[in-house]
Amino acid sequence: MRKLLNIAVTGFYLLGATGVTFAQTVVVTPEQETVVREYVKKKPIASINLPGVELNVGSALPDTVELHTIDAPDVQYRYVVIDNRTVLVDPGTRKIVRVLQ
């Protein structure tokens, strides 16, 4: 009986940990997106090509890619323009959080 209880507790723990992982999804608010779009229009940077790197949310960019700061208090992300698309990046993990068209 005790073994069965340990298995059940372990299962609930794993399910809880999975739920926490999904809860950490990055949310870019519409206001933040507007600030980013306006900032990028005012201060354009050259687009770069990154062969072999897919622009998907969650993909990490190589350390060789320079991330640019957005001078706005509500936006903690950095950006880069890849293949003429603005890409928002978490500076701590270098993972893509949003690709703007």
N, C-alpha and C. Protein backbone atom coordinates (compact mmCIF):
# COMPACT_ATOMS: atom_id res chain seq x y z
N MET A 1 0.82 -1.19 0.00
CA MET A 1 0.00 0.00 0.00
C MET A 1 0.87 1.26 0.00
N ARG A 2 1.91 1.25 0.80
CA ARG A 2 2.79 2.41 0.88
C ARG A 2 3.48 2.66 -0.46
N LYS A 3 3.86 1.58 -1.16
CA LYS A 3 4.50 1.71 -2.47
C LYS A 3 3.55 2.37 -3.47
N LEU A 4 2.30 1.96 -3.44
CA LEU A 4 1.29 2.53 -4.32
C LEU A 4 1.10 4.03 -4.03
N LEU A 5 1.12 4.38 -2.76
CA LEU A 5 0.99 5.78 -2.38
C LEU A 5 2.18 6.59 -2.88
N ASN A 6 3.38 6.06 -2.75
CA ASN A 6 4.58 6.75 -3.25
C ASN A 6 4.50 6.96 -4.75
N ILE A 7 4.03 5.96 -5.48
CA ILE A 7 3.90 6.08 -6.93
C ILE A 7 2.88 7.17 -7.28
N ALA A 8 1.77 7.20 -6.55
CA ALA A 8 0.73 8.20 -6.82
C ALA A 8 1.26 9.61 -6.54
N VAL A 9 1.98 9.77 -5.43
CA VAL A 9 2.53 11.09 -5.08
C VAL A 9 3.53 11.53 -6.14
N THR A 10 4.38 10.61 -6.58
CA THR A 10 5.36 10.93 -7.62
C THR A 10 4.66 11.35 -8.90
N GLY A 11 3.60 10.65 -9.27
CA GLY A 11 2.83 11.00 -10.47
C GLY A 11 2.23 12.38 -10.38
N PHE A 12 1.64 12.71 -9.24
CA PHE A 12 1.07 14.05 -9.06
C PHE A 12 2.15 15.12 -9.10
N TYR A 13 3.31 14.82 -8.53
CA TYR A 13 4.41 15.78 -8.56
C TYR A 13 4.84 16.06 -9.99
N LEU A 14 4.98 14.99 -10.79
CA LEU A 14 5.39 15.17 -12.18
C LEU A 14 4.35 15.94 -12.97
N LEU A 15 3.08 15.67 -12.74
CA LEU A 15 2.03 16.42 -13.42
C LEU A 15 2.07 17.89 -13.01
N GLY A 16 2.30 18.14 -11.74
CA GLY A 16 2.39 19.52 -11.25
C GLY A 16 3.57 20.25 -11.86
N ALA A 17 4.71 19.57 -11.98
CA ALA A 17 5.90 20.18 -12.58
C ALA A 17 5.65 20.51 -14.04
N THR A 18 4.93 19.64 -14.74
CA THR A 18 4.60 19.90 -16.14
C THR A 18 3.71 21.14 -16.25
N GLY A 19 2.75 21.27 -15.36
CA GLY A 19 1.88 22.43 -15.37
C GLY A 19 2.64 23.72 -15.14
N VAL A 20 3.64 23.66 -14.27
CA VAL A 20 4.46 24.84 -14.00
C VAL A 20 5.24 25.23 -15.25
N THR A 21 5.74 24.24 -15.95
CA THR A 21 6.49 24.51 -17.18
C THR A 21 5.61 25.23 -18.19
N PHE A 22 4.37 24.78 -18.37
CA PHE A 22 3.49 25.43 -19.32
C PHE A 22 3.10 26.83 -18.85
N ALA A 23 3.08 27.06 -17.55
CA ALA A 23 2.69 28.36 -17.03
C ALA A 23 3.77 29.40 -17.28
N GLN A 24 4.97 28.99 -17.64
CA GLN A 24 6.06 29.93 -17.86
C GLN A 24 6.11 30.45 -19.29
N THR A 25 5.06 30.26 -20.06
CA THR A 25 5.00 30.75 -21.42
C THR A 25 5.13 32.27 -21.42
N VAL A 26 5.96 32.77 -22.32
CA VAL A 26 6.19 34.21 -22.40
C VAL A 26 5.00 34.88 -23.09
N VAL A 27 4.55 35.97 -22.51
CA VAL A 27 3.44 36.72 -23.08
C VAL A 27 3.94 38.12 -23.43
N VAL A 28 3.81 38.47 -24.69
CA VAL A 28 4.12 39.82 -25.13
C VAL A 28 2.78 40.52 -25.30
N THR A 29 2.56 41.54 -24.50
CA THR A 29 1.26 42.23 -24.54
C THR A 29 1.13 43.04 -25.82
N PRO A 30 -0.09 43.32 -26.23
CA PRO A 30 -0.29 44.16 -27.42
C PRO A 30 0.38 45.54 -27.26
N GLU A 31 0.38 46.07 -26.04
CA GLU A 31 1.03 47.36 -25.80
C GLU A 31 2.53 47.26 -26.03
N GLN A 32 3.15 46.18 -25.53
CA GLN A 32 4.58 45.98 -25.73
C GLN A 32 4.90 45.82 -27.21
N GLU A 33 4.05 45.08 -27.92
CA GLU A 33 4.27 44.88 -29.35
C GLU A 33 4.20 46.21 -30.10
N THR A 34 3.26 47.06 -29.72
CA THR A 34 3.14 48.38 -30.35
C THR A 34 4.39 49.22 -30.08
N VAL A 35 4.87 49.20 -28.85
CA VAL A 35 6.08 49.95 -28.50
C VAL A 35 7.26 49.46 -29.34
N VAL A 36 7.39 48.16 -29.46
CA VAL A 36 8.50 47.58 -30.24
C VAL A 36 8.40 47.99 -31.69
N ARG A 37 7.22 47.85 -32.29
CA ARG A 37 7.05 48.21 -33.70
C ARG A 37 7.41 49.68 -33.96
N GLU A 38 6.95 50.56 -33.07
CA GLU A 38 7.24 51.99 -33.24
C GLU A 38 8.73 52.26 -33.06
N TYR A 39 9.35 51.61 -32.10
CA TYR A 39 10.78 51.81 -31.84
C TYR A 39 11.61 51.36 -33.04
N VAL A 40 11.26 50.19 -33.59
CA VAL A 40 12.02 49.65 -34.73
C VAL A 40 11.86 50.54 -35.96
N LYS A 41 10.69 51.14 -36.13
CA LYS A 41 10.49 52.07 -37.26
C LYS A 41 11.36 53.31 -37.10
N LYS A 42 11.47 53.81 -35.87
CA LYS A 42 12.25 55.03 -35.62
C LYS A 42 13.76 54.78 -35.69
N LYS A 43 14.18 53.59 -35.28
CA LYS A 43 15.61 53.27 -35.23
C LYS A 43 15.87 51.95 -35.94
N PRO A 44 15.75 51.96 -37.26
CA PRO A 44 15.94 50.72 -38.01
C PRO A 44 17.39 50.23 -37.95
N ILE A 45 17.52 48.91 -37.98
CA ILE A 45 18.85 48.29 -38.05
C ILE A 45 18.88 47.37 -39.27
N ALA A 46 20.07 47.03 -39.70
CA ALA A 46 20.21 46.18 -40.88
C ALA A 46 19.73 44.76 -40.57
N SER A 47 19.07 44.18 -41.56
CA SER A 47 18.64 42.80 -41.45
C SER A 47 19.83 41.87 -41.66
N ILE A 48 19.86 40.78 -40.91
CA ILE A 48 20.92 39.79 -41.09
C ILE A 48 20.33 38.48 -41.56
N ASN A 49 21.16 37.64 -42.13
CA ASN A 49 20.75 36.30 -42.54
C ASN A 49 21.40 35.30 -41.59
N LEU A 50 20.64 34.31 -41.19
CA LEU A 50 21.17 33.24 -40.33
C LEU A 50 20.81 31.90 -40.95
N PRO A 51 21.60 31.43 -41.91
CA PRO A 51 21.30 30.14 -42.52
C PRO A 51 21.30 29.03 -41.46
N GLY A 52 20.32 28.18 -41.53
CA GLY A 52 20.24 27.04 -40.63
C GLY A 52 19.54 27.32 -39.30
N VAL A 53 19.19 28.58 -39.05
CA VAL A 53 18.48 28.92 -37.82
C VAL A 53 17.03 29.21 -38.16
N GLU A 54 16.13 28.45 -37.55
CA GLU A 54 14.70 28.66 -37.80
C GLU A 54 14.16 29.70 -36.84
N LEU A 55 13.34 30.58 -37.34
CA LEU A 55 12.77 31.65 -36.53
C LEU A 55 11.48 31.17 -35.87
N ASN A 56 11.64 30.33 -34.89
CA ASN A 56 10.50 29.80 -34.14
C ASN A 56 10.59 30.26 -32.69
N VAL A 57 9.45 30.51 -32.08
CA VAL A 57 9.42 30.85 -30.67
C VAL A 57 10.06 29.69 -29.90
N GLY A 58 11.00 30.03 -29.03
CA GLY A 58 11.70 29.03 -28.24
C GLY A 58 13.06 28.66 -28.79
N SER A 59 13.33 28.98 -30.06
CA SER A 59 14.65 28.71 -30.64
C SER A 59 15.65 29.70 -30.06
N ALA A 60 16.86 29.22 -29.79
CA ALA A 60 17.91 30.09 -29.25
C ALA A 60 18.77 30.63 -30.39
N LEU A 61 19.15 31.89 -30.27
CA LEU A 61 20.03 32.50 -31.26
C LEU A 61 21.48 32.32 -30.82
N PRO A 62 22.38 32.18 -31.78
CA PRO A 62 23.80 32.03 -31.44
C PRO A 62 24.35 33.27 -30.74
N ASP A 63 25.41 33.07 -29.97
CA ASP A 63 26.05 34.19 -29.25
C ASP A 63 26.63 35.23 -30.19
N THR A 64 26.84 34.87 -31.43
CA THR A 64 27.42 35.80 -32.41
C THR A 64 26.42 36.85 -32.88
N VAL A 65 25.13 36.64 -32.62
CA VAL A 65 24.10 37.59 -33.05
C VAL A 65 24.01 38.72 -32.02
N GLU A 66 24.17 39.95 -32.50
CA GLU A 66 24.08 41.11 -31.61
C GLU A 66 22.61 41.44 -31.35
N LEU A 67 22.26 41.48 -30.07
CA LEU A 67 20.90 41.84 -29.67
C LEU A 67 20.86 43.32 -29.35
N HIS A 68 19.81 44.01 -29.80
CA HIS A 68 19.69 45.45 -29.62
C HIS A 68 18.66 45.77 -28.54
N THR A 69 18.97 46.78 -27.75
CA THR A 69 18.11 47.21 -26.66
C THR A 69 16.96 48.05 -27.18
N ILE A 70 15.82 47.91 -26.55
CA ILE A 70 14.65 48.75 -26.84
C ILE A 70 14.53 49.71 -25.66
N ASP A 71 14.67 50.99 -25.93
CA ASP A 71 14.63 52.00 -24.87
C ASP A 71 13.19 52.29 -24.47
N ALA A 72 12.60 51.36 -23.74
CA ALA A 72 11.25 51.52 -23.24
C ALA A 72 11.16 50.78 -21.90
N PRO A 73 10.59 51.42 -20.90
CA PRO A 73 10.57 50.82 -19.56
C PRO A 73 9.76 49.53 -19.45
N ASP A 74 8.76 49.35 -20.30
CA ASP A 74 7.89 48.18 -20.19
C ASP A 74 8.37 46.97 -20.98
N VAL A 75 9.45 47.11 -21.72
CA VAL A 75 9.91 46.02 -22.58
C VAL A 75 11.27 45.54 -22.09
N GLN A 76 11.30 44.29 -21.63
CA GLN A 76 12.56 43.74 -21.11
C GLN A 76 13.31 42.95 -22.17
N TYR A 77 12.74 42.79 -23.32
CA TYR A 77 13.35 41.99 -24.38
C TYR A 77 14.31 42.80 -25.22
N ARG A 78 15.13 42.10 -25.99
CA ARG A 78 16.01 42.73 -26.97
C ARG A 78 15.47 42.34 -28.34
N TYR A 79 16.01 42.97 -29.38
CA TYR A 79 15.53 42.62 -30.71
C TYR A 79 16.67 42.56 -31.70
N VAL A 80 16.38 41.90 -32.80
CA VAL A 80 17.27 41.80 -33.94
C VAL A 80 16.37 41.65 -35.17
N VAL A 81 16.86 42.06 -36.31
CA VAL A 81 16.09 41.88 -37.54
C VAL A 81 16.78 40.78 -38.35
N ILE A 82 16.03 39.71 -38.59
CA ILE A 82 16.53 38.56 -39.32
C ILE A 82 15.61 38.32 -40.50
N ASP A 83 16.19 38.25 -41.69
CA ASP A 83 15.40 38.04 -42.91
C ASP A 83 14.24 39.03 -43.00
N ASN A 84 14.53 40.29 -42.66
CA ASN A 84 13.56 41.39 -42.71
C ASN A 84 12.37 41.22 -41.76
N ARG A 85 12.54 40.40 -40.72
CA ARG A 85 11.51 40.25 -39.70
C ARG A 85 12.10 40.61 -38.35
N THR A 86 11.35 41.37 -37.58
CA THR A 86 11.81 41.76 -36.25
C THR A 86 11.58 40.60 -35.30
N VAL A 87 12.63 40.25 -34.57
CA VAL A 87 12.59 39.11 -33.67
C VAL A 87 12.86 39.59 -32.25
N LEU A 88 11.91 39.33 -31.34
CA LEU A 88 12.11 39.67 -29.93
C LEU A 88 12.78 38.50 -29.24
N VAL A 89 13.77 38.81 -28.41
CA VAL A 89 14.59 37.77 -27.79
C VAL A 89 14.72 38.03 -26.29
N ASP A 90 14.64 36.97 -25.50
CA ASP A 90 14.91 37.06 -24.07
C ASP A 90 16.42 37.15 -23.92
N PRO A 91 16.95 38.26 -23.38
CA PRO A 91 18.40 38.42 -23.33
C PRO A 91 19.10 37.41 -22.42
N GLY A 92 18.41 36.89 -21.43
CA GLY A 92 19.02 35.93 -20.51
C GLY A 92 19.25 34.57 -21.13
N THR A 93 18.30 34.13 -21.94
CA THR A 93 18.38 32.80 -22.55
C THR A 93 18.71 32.84 -24.03
N ARG A 94 18.59 34.04 -24.63
CA ARG A 94 18.76 34.24 -26.07
C ARG A 94 17.71 33.49 -26.89
N LYS A 95 16.60 33.11 -26.25
CA LYS A 95 15.53 32.42 -26.95
C LYS A 95 14.55 33.42 -27.54
N ILE A 96 14.03 33.08 -28.71
CA ILE A 96 13.05 33.91 -29.40
C ILE A 96 11.72 33.84 -28.63
N VAL A 97 11.15 35.01 -28.34
CA VAL A 97 9.85 35.05 -27.67
C VAL A 97 8.74 35.50 -28.60
N ARG A 98 9.11 36.17 -29.70
CA ARG A 98 8.08 36.62 -30.66
C ARG A 98 8.76 36.99 -31.98
N VAL A 99 8.12 36.63 -33.07
CA VAL A 99 8.58 37.04 -34.41
C VAL A 99 7.49 37.95 -34.97
N LEU A 100 7.86 39.19 -35.26
CA LEU A 100 6.91 40.16 -35.80
C LEU A 100 7.04 40.21 -37.32
N GLN A 101 5.92 40.27 -38.00
CA GLN A 101 5.93 40.31 -39.45
C GLN A 101 6.02 41.75 -39.93
